[in-house]
Amino acid sequence: MLACGAGFKPVMLFACKASRYGFDSHSVSAITADINTTERCEMSDESSLSDAVILITREGMGSADVTLQHKLLNTYLSLLLDNGSLPAAICFYTDGVKLVVEGSPLLERLAQIEESGVRLVICSTCLNYFGLMEKVKVGIIGGMADIIEAQTRATKVITL
């Protein structure tokens, strides 16, 4: 989690590494002034996503060529693993179920995330629709009730 000072909640990553994202120091000062602090931002040991659920509804990340979608999602998941900012669960439905089956280029990364304690919940209706039920390699097959339960328990829901 990014934090500025005691008791401060998450701050956008670019506030700490502004130049990486094309922001100059003046922009960062304006941002930090808006949040009423001028203290230096640093990483906290606590994960800001520990009570979050990520919904993956596409065959990757974004609306681009599927190869680029896979690359973007792989990078996103790798960074979550590297930073220890793992969500409580990741739910896969619609085209997202194609990522958890035999032949998916993200299986290794998803297996690492699952081994780290993240629940991977896969929509059974979607698997049946695409004829992929027998090809699941990671996660648990659940229904819409399982996805709703994950969402209601979460403090934050992120759709990719």
Foldseek 3Di string as FASTA:
>chain_A
DKAFDPPGDDDDPCLQVVVVVPHDPVVSVVRCVVVPDDGHIDDDPDAPQAQEEEEEEACADDDDPSVVRPVVRLVVLVVCVVSVNAHQEYEYAHNRLVCQFPPHPCPVSQVVNVVVNHAYEYAPVNCVVVVGPVGGDDHDYDHPVVVVVSHVRGPYYHYD
